[in-house]
Amino acid sequence: MMTKAFLVRRGFEARNGQVRYGPGVKLFVEDDEEIEVYMLRQGKPCRARQYPYASLDMAAPPTGLRPAALQD
């Protein structure tokens, strides 16, 4: 399978394993990983949802993420 790349949108934060990604940061997801996307409320993360690799669609990314080019 291939790596999927997303940018974290403003007002959100994502986590892949123990690494957190803030707004505007590129997040890479491999086929054996899953991510969590958090909505930020008053600067604090509130858990939004968990996404395994198979459910991540770069053409229709989950709320809080947008597709990113792998080469950027």
Protein backbone atom coordinates (compact mmCIF):
# COMPACT_ATOMS: atom_id res chain seq x y z
CA MET A 1 0.00 0.00 0.00
CA MET A 2 1.03 3.61 -0.28
CA THR A 3 1.60 6.38 2.21
CA LYS A 4 -1.25 8.86 2.59
CA ALA A 5 -0.43 12.51 3.33
CA PHE A 6 -2.69 15.13 4.90
CA LEU A 7 -2.36 18.65 6.27
CA VAL A 8 -3.96 19.41 9.61
CA ARG A 9 -6.51 22.21 9.31
CA ARG A 10 -6.67 25.26 11.56
CA GLY A 11 -8.61 24.50 14.75
CA PHE A 12 -7.54 20.84 14.77
CA GLU A 13 -4.69 18.64 15.91
CA ALA A 14 -3.84 15.07 14.90
CA ARG A 15 -1.90 12.28 16.56
CA ASN A 16 -0.14 9.32 14.98
CA GLY A 17 1.30 7.07 17.68
CA GLN A 18 2.96 9.34 20.23
CA VAL A 19 3.54 12.22 17.78
CA ARG A 20 1.14 15.18 17.70
CA TYR A 21 0.70 17.35 14.62
CA GLY A 22 -0.60 20.91 14.91
CA PRO A 23 -2.43 23.04 12.35
CA GLY A 24 -0.60 23.41 9.04
CA VAL A 25 1.69 20.44 9.66
CA LYS A 26 1.89 17.57 7.18
CA LEU A 27 0.93 14.15 8.55
CA PHE A 28 1.96 10.89 6.87
CA VAL A 29 0.01 7.69 7.49
CA GLU A 30 1.34 4.22 6.61
CA ASP A 31 -0.85 1.16 5.95
CA ASP A 32 -0.36 -0.32 9.45
CA GLU A 33 -1.19 2.92 11.32
CA GLU A 34 -4.21 4.79 12.55
CA ILE A 35 -4.58 8.41 13.53
CA GLU A 36 -6.69 10.42 15.93
CA VAL A 37 -8.02 13.85 14.99
CA TYR A 38 -8.81 16.35 17.74
CA MET A 39 -10.79 19.56 17.60
CA LEU A 40 -9.11 22.36 19.53
CA ARG A 41 -11.36 24.21 21.97
CA GLN A 42 -9.81 27.17 23.73
CA GLY A 43 -6.45 25.77 22.67
CA LYS A 44 -7.04 22.37 24.29
CA PRO A 45 -7.59 19.20 22.25
CA CYS A 46 -10.96 17.46 22.52
CA ARG A 47 -10.97 13.98 21.00
CA ALA A 48 -12.89 13.98 17.77
CA ARG A 49 -12.40 10.63 16.06
CA GLN A 50 -10.03 7.77 15.32
CA TYR A 51 -9.25 6.71 11.73
CA PRO A 52 -7.47 3.54 10.61
CA TYR A 53 -5.46 3.77 7.39
CA ALA A 54 -8.08 1.91 5.33
CA SER A 55 -10.79 4.46 6.17
CA LEU A 56 -8.69 7.49 5.14
CA ASP A 57 -9.68 8.72 1.68
CA MET A 58 -7.44 11.44 0.25
CA ALA A 59 -10.24 12.55 -2.09
CA ALA A 60 -12.62 12.98 0.86
CA PRO A 61 -10.50 13.43 3.99
CA PRO A 62 -12.03 13.44 7.45
CA THR A 63 -12.98 16.67 9.18
CA GLY A 64 -9.87 18.50 10.34
CA LEU A 65 -7.61 17.24 7.56
CA ARG A 66 -7.04 18.11 3.92
CA PRO A 67 -5.06 16.21 1.28
CA ALA A 68 -1.38 17.04 0.85
CA ALA A 69 1.10 16.17 -1.86
CA LEU A 70 3.72 13.64 -0.80
CA GLN A 71 6.53 15.65 -2.42
CA ASP A 72 5.90 19.05 -0.75
